[in-house]
Amino acid sequence: MFENVTSRYDMSDATVEIIVILSIAFLLGLLLGYLLSQSNCEKRQEENNELETNDINTQKTTETPSDVIPDSWKPSFLSAPMGSADDLKRISGVGPVLEKTLNELGIFHYKQIAELSSNNVSWLNNYMAFPGRIERENWVSQARDLMQGIQTDFANRYDKGQTS
């Protein structure tokens, strides 16, 4: 009985079967890894949005900039964008909530951020209650590059939907 089965099922069939099973396992692993990474990206984006919202809400209950930083350090703002507004979320560290806050202040363009002086940066850091964030994340140099049409690594990933 076993002789008949083994004669029809030789080593080459077993090798093909193993290769097929391993290939299926590999593809399932890739699919599962992709789905998990997408889930983690969405979760991290929600956490970042929540943190930005909390930081901005905290700022509203703290001292106003005029109590700490002189008004002369305040950047010049626009009442509306000149043409269409730039997508400030292409700057690393600027999410949807922070972009909205910058737009409400009157900052709509890369050029405005690129031309910030150190005093302007201090005023904005204080206003947004993010001490040192603008310098740490290099907003000014990123904005300068984007204004000149130079793609940053973050902007490339953002454009491809690969940021969280």
N, C-alpha and C. Protein backbone atom coordinates (compact mmCIF):
# COMPACT_ATOMS: atom_id res chain seq x y z
N MET A 1 0.81 -1.19 0.00
CA MET A 1 0.00 0.00 0.00
C MET A 1 0.86 1.26 0.00
N PHE A 2 1.89 1.32 0.86
CA PHE A 2 2.74 2.49 0.92
C PHE A 2 3.66 2.60 -0.28
N GLU A 3 4.00 1.49 -0.88
CA GLU A 3 4.87 1.53 -2.05
C GLU A 3 4.19 2.26 -3.19
N ASN A 4 2.92 2.05 -3.34
CA ASN A 4 2.15 2.69 -4.40
C ASN A 4 2.09 4.21 -4.19
N VAL A 5 1.90 4.64 -2.95
CA VAL A 5 1.81 6.06 -2.66
C VAL A 5 3.15 6.74 -2.89
N THR A 6 4.23 6.13 -2.41
CA THR A 6 5.54 6.76 -2.56
C THR A 6 6.00 6.78 -4.01
N SER A 7 5.56 5.90 -4.79
CA SER A 7 5.99 5.91 -6.18
C SER A 7 5.36 7.09 -6.94
N ARG A 8 4.15 7.50 -6.55
CA ARG A 8 3.52 8.63 -7.22
C ARG A 8 3.92 9.97 -6.60
N TYR A 9 4.45 9.92 -5.41
CA TYR A 9 4.79 11.15 -4.69
C TYR A 9 6.28 11.13 -4.39
N ASP A 10 7.08 11.63 -5.33
CA ASP A 10 8.53 11.58 -5.15
C ASP A 10 9.05 12.89 -4.54
N MET A 11 10.36 13.02 -4.40
CA MET A 11 10.97 14.17 -3.74
C MET A 11 10.72 15.49 -4.48
N SER A 12 10.67 15.50 -5.78
CA SER A 12 10.46 16.75 -6.51
C SER A 12 9.08 17.32 -6.22
N ASP A 13 8.08 16.48 -6.05
CA ASP A 13 6.74 16.97 -5.69
C ASP A 13 6.75 17.59 -4.30
N ALA A 14 7.44 16.96 -3.36
CA ALA A 14 7.52 17.49 -2.00
C ALA A 14 8.23 18.84 -2.00
N THR A 15 9.28 18.98 -2.78
CA THR A 15 10.02 20.23 -2.85
C THR A 15 9.14 21.35 -3.41
N VAL A 16 8.40 21.07 -4.45
CA VAL A 16 7.49 22.06 -5.04
C VAL A 16 6.43 22.46 -4.02
N GLU A 17 5.89 21.49 -3.31
CA GLU A 17 4.86 21.77 -2.31
C GLU A 17 5.41 22.66 -1.20
N ILE A 18 6.61 22.39 -0.74
CA ILE A 18 7.23 23.21 0.30
C ILE A 18 7.47 24.63 -0.19
N ILE A 19 7.94 24.77 -1.42
CA ILE A 19 8.19 26.09 -1.99
C ILE A 19 6.88 26.88 -2.10
N VAL A 20 5.82 26.24 -2.52
CA VAL A 20 4.51 26.90 -2.65
C VAL A 20 4.03 27.35 -1.27
N ILE A 21 4.12 26.49 -0.28
CA ILE A 21 3.66 26.82 1.07
C ILE A 21 4.49 27.97 1.65
N LEU A 22 5.80 27.93 1.47
CA LEU A 22 6.65 29.01 1.96
C LEU A 22 6.35 30.33 1.25
N SER A 23 6.08 30.27 -0.04
CA SER A 23 5.74 31.49 -0.79
C SER A 23 4.44 32.09 -0.28
N ILE A 24 3.46 31.25 -0.04
CA ILE A 24 2.18 31.74 0.49
C ILE A 24 2.38 32.36 1.87
N ALA A 25 3.17 31.70 2.73
CA ALA A 25 3.44 32.24 4.07
C ALA A 25 4.16 33.59 3.98
N PHE A 26 5.11 33.71 3.05
CA PHE A 26 5.84 34.95 2.86
C PHE A 26 4.89 36.08 2.44
N LEU A 27 4.03 35.81 1.46
CA LEU A 27 3.08 36.82 0.99
C LEU A 27 2.10 37.22 2.08
N LEU A 28 1.63 36.26 2.86
CA LEU A 28 0.74 36.58 3.98
C LEU A 28 1.46 37.44 5.01
N GLY A 29 2.73 37.15 5.27
CA GLY A 29 3.52 37.95 6.19
C GLY A 29 3.68 39.39 5.71
N LEU A 30 3.94 39.56 4.42
CA LEU A 30 4.05 40.91 3.85
C LEU A 30 2.73 41.67 3.99
N LEU A 31 1.64 41.02 3.68
CA LEU A 31 0.33 41.65 3.77
C LEU A 31 0.02 42.03 5.21
N LEU A 32 0.26 41.14 6.14
CA LEU A 32 0.00 41.41 7.55
C LEU A 32 0.88 42.56 8.05
N GLY A 33 2.15 42.56 7.68
CA GLY A 33 3.06 43.64 8.08
C GLY A 33 2.60 44.98 7.54
N TYR A 34 2.17 45.01 6.29
CA TYR A 34 1.68 46.25 5.69
C TYR A 34 0.45 46.77 6.43
N LEU A 35 -0.50 45.88 6.69
CA LEU A 35 -1.74 46.28 7.38
C LEU A 35 -1.43 46.80 8.78
N LEU A 36 -0.53 46.14 9.49
CA LEU A 36 -0.17 46.60 10.83
C LEU A 36 0.53 47.95 10.80
N SER A 37 1.40 48.17 9.82
CA SER A 37 2.11 49.46 9.75
C SER A 37 1.12 50.59 9.43
N GLN A 38 0.14 50.32 8.57
CA GLN A 38 -0.86 51.33 8.26
C GLN A 38 -1.69 51.67 9.50
N SER A 39 -2.03 50.66 10.25
CA SER A 39 -2.79 50.85 11.48
C SER A 39 -2.00 51.70 12.47
N ASN A 40 -0.70 51.41 12.60
CA ASN A 40 0.14 52.18 13.52
C ASN A 40 0.30 53.61 13.06
N CYS A 41 0.41 53.84 11.73
CA CYS A 41 0.54 55.21 11.21
C CYS A 41 -0.71 56.03 11.53
N GLU A 42 -1.89 55.44 11.33
CA GLU A 42 -3.13 56.14 11.63
C GLU A 42 -3.23 56.45 13.11
N LYS A 43 -2.82 55.49 13.96
CA LYS A 43 -2.87 55.69 15.40
C LYS A 43 -1.93 56.81 15.81
N ARG A 44 -0.70 56.83 15.25
CA ARG A 44 0.26 57.88 15.58
C ARG A 44 -0.23 59.25 15.11
N GLN A 45 -0.89 59.30 13.94
CA GLN A 45 -1.41 60.57 13.44
C GLN A 45 -2.48 61.10 14.38
N GLU A 46 -3.37 60.21 14.85
CA GLU A 46 -4.40 60.64 15.80
C GLU A 46 -3.78 61.15 17.09
N GLU A 47 -2.73 60.46 17.58
CA GLU A 47 -2.05 60.90 18.80
C GLU A 47 -1.40 62.25 18.60
N ASN A 48 -0.74 62.46 17.44
CA ASN A 48 -0.10 63.75 17.16
C ASN A 48 -1.13 64.88 17.09
N ASN A 49 -2.26 64.61 16.43
CA ASN A 49 -3.31 65.63 16.36
C ASN A 49 -3.83 65.97 17.75
N GLU A 50 -4.01 64.94 18.57
CA GLU A 50 -4.49 65.16 19.94
C GLU A 50 -3.48 65.97 20.74
N LEU A 51 -2.18 65.64 20.59
CA LEU A 51 -1.14 66.38 21.31
C LEU A 51 -1.11 67.84 20.87
N GLU A 52 -1.22 68.08 19.56
CA GLU A 52 -1.22 69.45 19.06
C GLU A 52 -2.41 70.21 19.62
N THR A 53 -3.58 69.58 19.63
CA THR A 53 -4.78 70.22 20.15
C THR A 53 -4.60 70.54 21.62
N ASN A 54 -4.07 69.59 22.39
CA ASN A 54 -3.85 69.81 23.81
C ASN A 54 -2.85 70.94 24.05
N ASP A 55 -1.76 70.97 23.25
CA ASP A 55 -0.76 72.02 23.40
C ASP A 55 -1.35 73.39 23.11
N ILE A 56 -2.16 73.48 22.07
CA ILE A 56 -2.75 74.76 21.70
C ILE A 56 -3.78 75.18 22.74
N ASN A 57 -4.57 74.23 23.26
CA ASN A 57 -5.52 74.56 24.32
C ASN A 57 -4.80 75.02 25.58
N THR A 58 -3.67 74.41 25.89
CA THR A 58 -2.87 74.82 27.04
C THR A 58 -2.36 76.23 26.84
N GLN A 59 -1.93 76.54 25.63
CA GLN A 59 -1.41 77.87 25.33
C GLN A 59 -2.45 78.94 25.59
N LYS A 60 -3.69 78.65 25.30
CA LYS A 60 -4.75 79.65 25.46
C LYS A 60 -5.00 79.99 26.92
N THR A 61 -4.60 79.09 27.83
CA THR A 61 -4.83 79.36 29.25
C THR A 61 -3.59 79.93 29.93
N THR A 62 -2.47 80.02 29.22
CA THR A 62 -1.24 80.55 29.81
C THR A 62 -1.12 82.03 29.49
N GLU A 63 0.02 82.59 29.87
CA GLU A 63 0.25 84.01 29.64
C GLU A 63 0.19 84.35 28.15
N THR A 64 -0.21 85.54 27.85
CA THR A 64 -0.21 85.98 26.46
C THR A 64 1.20 86.41 26.09
N PRO A 65 1.54 86.40 24.80
CA PRO A 65 2.89 86.77 24.39
C PRO A 65 3.31 88.17 24.84
N SER A 66 2.36 89.09 24.89
CA SER A 66 2.72 90.45 25.27
C SER A 66 3.17 90.53 26.73
N ASP A 67 2.79 89.55 27.57
CA ASP A 67 3.23 89.53 28.96
C ASP A 67 4.69 89.12 29.09
N VAL A 68 5.21 88.39 28.11
CA VAL A 68 6.54 87.82 28.22
C VAL A 68 7.49 88.36 27.16
N ILE A 69 7.06 88.38 25.94
CA ILE A 69 7.88 88.76 24.79
C ILE A 69 7.37 90.11 24.26
N PRO A 70 8.26 91.01 23.93
CA PRO A 70 7.81 92.32 23.42
C PRO A 70 7.03 92.19 22.11
N ASP A 71 6.06 93.06 21.93
CA ASP A 71 5.28 93.07 20.69
C ASP A 71 6.16 93.37 19.47
N SER A 72 7.27 94.03 19.69
CA SER A 72 8.16 94.36 18.57
C SER A 72 8.76 93.10 17.94
N TRP A 73 8.72 91.96 18.65
CA TRP A 73 9.23 90.70 18.13
C TRP A 73 8.19 89.94 17.31
N LYS A 74 6.98 90.44 17.34
CA LYS A 74 5.88 89.77 16.62
C LYS A 74 6.13 89.83 15.12
N PRO A 75 6.01 88.67 14.44
CA PRO A 75 6.20 88.68 12.97
C PRO A 75 5.10 89.48 12.29
N SER A 76 5.34 89.87 11.06
CA SER A 76 4.27 90.52 10.30
C SER A 76 3.38 89.44 9.71
N PHE A 77 2.11 89.62 9.86
CA PHE A 77 1.12 88.65 9.41
C PHE A 77 0.32 89.21 8.25
N LEU A 78 -0.30 88.32 7.50
CA LEU A 78 -1.17 88.71 6.40
C LEU A 78 -2.62 88.54 6.86
N SER A 79 -3.52 89.33 6.31
CA SER A 79 -4.93 89.15 6.63
C SER A 79 -5.54 88.02 5.80
N ALA A 80 -4.91 87.71 4.68
CA ALA A 80 -5.35 86.62 3.81
C ALA A 80 -4.14 86.17 2.98
N PRO A 81 -4.20 84.94 2.46
CA PRO A 81 -3.06 84.49 1.63
C PRO A 81 -2.92 85.32 0.36
N MET A 82 -1.71 85.45 -0.10
CA MET A 82 -1.45 86.11 -1.37
C MET A 82 -1.54 85.02 -2.44
N GLY A 83 -2.64 84.96 -3.14
CA GLY A 83 -2.88 83.84 -4.06
C GLY A 83 -3.35 82.65 -3.25
N SER A 84 -2.89 81.48 -3.61
CA SER A 84 -3.28 80.30 -2.83
C SER A 84 -2.25 80.07 -1.73
N ALA A 85 -2.73 79.61 -0.59
CA ALA A 85 -1.85 79.35 0.55
C ALA A 85 -0.99 78.13 0.27
N ASP A 86 0.23 78.13 0.80
CA ASP A 86 1.10 76.96 0.70
C ASP A 86 0.62 75.90 1.70
N ASP A 87 0.93 74.65 1.41
CA ASP A 87 0.59 73.55 2.32
C ASP A 87 1.69 73.47 3.37
N LEU A 88 1.47 74.13 4.51
CA LEU A 88 2.48 74.20 5.56
C LEU A 88 2.73 72.85 6.22
N LYS A 89 1.82 71.89 6.00
CA LYS A 89 2.02 70.55 6.57
C LYS A 89 3.18 69.82 5.90
N ARG A 90 3.70 70.37 4.81
CA ARG A 90 4.88 69.79 4.15
C ARG A 90 6.16 70.10 4.92
N ILE A 91 6.04 70.93 5.96
CA ILE A 91 7.16 71.23 6.86
C ILE A 91 7.07 70.24 8.02
N SER A 92 8.15 69.54 8.28
CA SER A 92 8.18 68.57 9.37
C SER A 92 7.88 69.27 10.69
N GLY A 93 6.91 68.74 11.42
CA GLY A 93 6.52 69.32 12.70
C GLY A 93 5.24 70.13 12.63
N VAL A 94 4.75 70.40 11.43
CA VAL A 94 3.50 71.16 11.27
C VAL A 94 2.42 70.18 10.83
N GLY A 95 1.48 69.93 11.73
CA GLY A 95 0.35 69.07 11.41
C GLY A 95 -0.87 69.91 11.10
N PRO A 96 -2.02 69.27 10.92
CA PRO A 96 -3.23 70.01 10.55
C PRO A 96 -3.65 71.07 11.58
N VAL A 97 -3.55 70.74 12.85
CA VAL A 97 -3.97 71.69 13.88
C VAL A 97 -3.03 72.89 13.92
N LEU A 98 -1.74 72.63 13.85
CA LEU A 98 -0.77 73.71 13.89
C LEU A 98 -0.84 74.58 12.63
N GLU A 99 -1.10 73.95 11.49
CA GLU A 99 -1.27 74.73 10.26
C GLU A 99 -2.46 75.67 10.40
N LYS A 100 -3.54 75.18 10.97
CA LYS A 100 -4.73 76.01 11.17
C LYS A 100 -4.41 77.20 12.08
N THR A 101 -3.64 76.94 13.15
CA THR A 101 -3.25 78.02 14.06
C THR A 101 -2.39 79.06 13.35
N LEU A 102 -1.43 78.59 12.55
CA LEU A 102 -0.57 79.52 11.80
C LEU A 102 -1.40 80.34 10.81
N ASN A 103 -2.34 79.68 10.13
CA ASN A 103 -3.21 80.41 9.19
C ASN A 103 -4.07 81.44 9.92
N GLU A 104 -4.58 81.09 11.11
CA GLU A 104 -5.38 82.04 11.88
C GLU A 104 -4.55 83.25 12.31
N LEU A 105 -3.26 83.02 12.55
CA LEU A 105 -2.36 84.14 12.89
C LEU A 105 -2.10 85.02 11.67
N GLY A 106 -2.14 84.44 10.48
CA GLY A 106 -1.83 85.18 9.25
C GLY A 106 -0.57 84.68 8.58
N ILE A 107 -0.17 83.43 8.88
CA ILE A 107 0.98 82.83 8.21
C ILE A 107 0.44 81.77 7.26
N PHE A 108 0.61 82.03 5.95
CA PHE A 108 0.06 81.16 4.91
C PHE A 108 1.11 80.61 3.95
N HIS A 109 2.31 81.21 3.96
CA HIS A 109 3.29 80.92 2.92
C HIS A 109 4.64 80.51 3.50
N TYR A 110 5.35 79.67 2.72
CA TYR A 110 6.70 79.27 3.10
C TYR A 110 7.59 80.50 3.28
N LYS A 111 7.40 81.49 2.40
CA LYS A 111 8.23 82.69 2.45
C LYS A 111 8.13 83.38 3.80
N GLN A 112 6.93 83.42 4.37
CA GLN A 112 6.76 84.06 5.67
C GLN A 112 7.58 83.36 6.75
N ILE A 113 7.59 82.04 6.71
CA ILE A 113 8.36 81.27 7.70
C ILE A 113 9.85 81.38 7.41
N ALA A 114 10.22 81.34 6.13
CA ALA A 114 11.63 81.41 5.74
C ALA A 114 12.26 82.73 6.17
N GLU A 115 11.47 83.79 6.24
CA GLU A 115 12.00 85.11 6.56
C GLU A 115 11.88 85.48 8.04
N LEU A 116 11.52 84.52 8.89
CA LEU A 116 11.39 84.81 10.32
C LEU A 116 12.77 85.11 10.92
N SER A 117 12.84 86.17 11.72
CA SER A 117 14.07 86.47 12.46
C SER A 117 14.08 85.64 13.74
N SER A 118 15.19 85.65 14.45
CA SER A 118 15.24 84.90 15.71
C SER A 118 14.24 85.47 16.72
N ASN A 119 14.03 86.78 16.71
CA ASN A 119 13.02 87.37 17.60
C ASN A 119 11.61 86.93 17.21
N ASN A 120 11.33 86.87 15.90
CA ASN A 120 10.03 86.39 15.43
C ASN A 120 9.79 84.95 15.88
N VAL A 121 10.84 84.13 15.76
CA VAL A 121 10.75 82.72 16.16
C VAL A 121 10.45 82.63 17.66
N SER A 122 11.13 83.45 18.46
CA SER A 122 10.87 83.46 19.91
C SER A 122 9.42 83.82 20.20
N TRP A 123 8.90 84.83 19.50
CA TRP A 123 7.51 85.24 19.71
C TRP A 123 6.55 84.10 19.37
N LEU A 124 6.78 83.44 18.21
CA LEU A 124 5.91 82.34 17.80
C LEU A 124 6.00 81.16 18.77
N ASN A 125 7.23 80.80 19.17
CA ASN A 125 7.39 79.71 20.14
C ASN A 125 6.59 80.00 21.40
N ASN A 126 6.69 81.22 21.88
CA ASN A 126 5.97 81.61 23.09
C ASN A 126 4.45 81.58 22.86
N TYR A 127 4.02 82.11 21.74
CA TYR A 127 2.58 82.16 21.45
C TYR A 127 1.99 80.75 21.37
N MET A 128 2.71 79.86 20.70
CA MET A 128 2.19 78.50 20.50
C MET A 128 2.51 77.58 21.68
N ALA A 129 3.25 78.10 22.68
CA ALA A 129 3.63 77.32 23.86
C ALA A 129 4.43 76.08 23.46
N PHE A 130 5.29 76.23 22.45
CA PHE A 130 6.19 75.15 22.01
C PHE A 130 7.63 75.66 22.10
N PRO A 131 8.16 75.84 23.28
CA PRO A 131 9.52 76.40 23.37
C PRO A 131 10.55 75.61 22.57
N GLY A 132 11.21 76.29 21.66
CA GLY A 132 12.29 75.68 20.89
C GLY A 132 11.86 74.78 19.74
N ARG A 133 10.59 74.57 19.56
CA ARG A 133 10.12 73.63 18.54
C ARG A 133 10.50 74.07 17.13
N ILE A 134 10.34 75.34 16.84
CA ILE A 134 10.61 75.84 15.49
C ILE A 134 12.09 75.61 15.15
N GLU A 135 12.98 75.88 16.10
CA GLU A 135 14.41 75.68 15.86
C GLU A 135 14.74 74.20 15.78
N ARG A 136 14.19 73.41 16.70
CA ARG A 136 14.48 71.98 16.76
C ARG A 136 14.10 71.28 15.46
N GLU A 137 12.99 71.69 14.89
CA GLU A 137 12.50 71.03 13.67
C GLU A 137 12.89 71.79 12.40
N ASN A 138 13.70 72.82 12.56
CA ASN A 138 14.26 73.56 11.42
C ASN A 138 13.20 74.08 10.45
N TRP A 139 12.14 74.67 10.98
CA TRP A 139 11.09 75.18 10.11
C TRP A 139 11.61 76.20 9.11
N VAL A 140 12.47 77.10 9.59
CA VAL A 140 12.92 78.21 8.73
C VAL A 140 13.70 77.66 7.53
N SER A 141 14.64 76.74 7.77
CA SER A 141 15.42 76.22 6.64
C SER A 141 14.56 75.33 5.74
N GLN A 142 13.62 74.57 6.32
CA GLN A 142 12.72 73.76 5.48
C GLN A 142 11.87 74.67 4.60
N ALA A 143 11.34 75.74 5.20
CA ALA A 143 10.49 76.67 4.44
C ALA A 143 11.31 77.36 3.35
N ARG A 144 12.56 77.70 3.65
CA ARG A 144 13.43 78.33 2.65
C ARG A 144 13.63 77.39 1.46
N ASP A 145 13.90 76.11 1.76
CA ASP A 145 14.07 75.13 0.67
C ASP A 145 12.79 74.99 -0.14
N LEU A 146 11.67 74.83 0.52
CA LEU A 146 10.39 74.65 -0.19
C LEU A 146 10.04 75.89 -1.01
N MET A 147 10.34 77.07 -0.47
CA MET A 147 10.07 78.32 -1.17
C MET A 147 10.88 78.38 -2.47
N GLN A 148 12.10 77.84 -2.44
CA GLN A 148 12.97 77.85 -3.61
C GLN A 148 12.71 76.66 -4.54
N GLY A 149 11.72 75.82 -4.19
CA GLY A 149 11.40 74.68 -5.03
C GLY A 149 12.24 73.45 -4.76
N ILE A 150 13.03 73.49 -3.69
CA ILE A 150 13.86 72.35 -3.31
C ILE A 150 13.02 71.42 -2.43
N GLN A 151 12.89 70.18 -2.86
CA GLN A 151 12.10 69.21 -2.10
C GLN A 151 12.90 68.71 -0.90
N THR A 152 12.29 68.75 0.28
CA THR A 152 12.92 68.17 1.47
C THR A 152 12.52 66.71 1.55
N ASP A 153 13.27 65.93 2.33
CA ASP A 153 12.92 64.51 2.51
C ASP A 153 11.52 64.38 3.07
N PHE A 154 11.20 65.21 4.08
CA PHE A 154 9.88 65.13 4.69
C PHE A 154 8.79 65.48 3.69
N ALA A 155 8.99 66.53 2.90
CA ALA A 155 7.99 66.95 1.92
C ALA A 155 7.76 65.84 0.90
N ASN A 156 8.82 65.17 0.48
CA ASN A 156 8.67 64.04 -0.46
C ASN A 156 7.82 62.94 0.16
N ARG A 157 8.12 62.60 1.43
CA ARG A 157 7.33 61.55 2.09
C ARG A 157 5.89 62.01 2.30
N TYR A 158 5.70 63.29 2.63
CA TYR A 158 4.35 63.82 2.82
C TYR A 158 3.56 63.75 1.52
N ASP A 159 4.20 64.13 0.42
CA ASP A 159 3.54 64.11 -0.88
C ASP A 159 3.12 62.69 -1.28
N LYS A 160 3.88 61.70 -0.83
CA LYS A 160 3.57 60.29 -1.14
C LYS A 160 2.63 59.67 -0.10
N GLY A 161 2.22 60.46 0.90
CA GLY A 161 1.33 59.94 1.94
C GLY A 161 2.03 59.03 2.93
N GLN A 162 3.34 59.18 3.07
CA GLN A 162 4.12 58.29 3.94
C GLN A 162 4.46 58.90 5.28
N THR A 163 3.78 59.99 5.66
CA THR A 163 4.05 60.60 6.97
C THR A 163 2.89 60.29 7.89
N SER A 164 3.22 60.32 9.16
CA SER A 164 2.13 60.04 10.14
C SER A 164 1.79 61.27 10.93
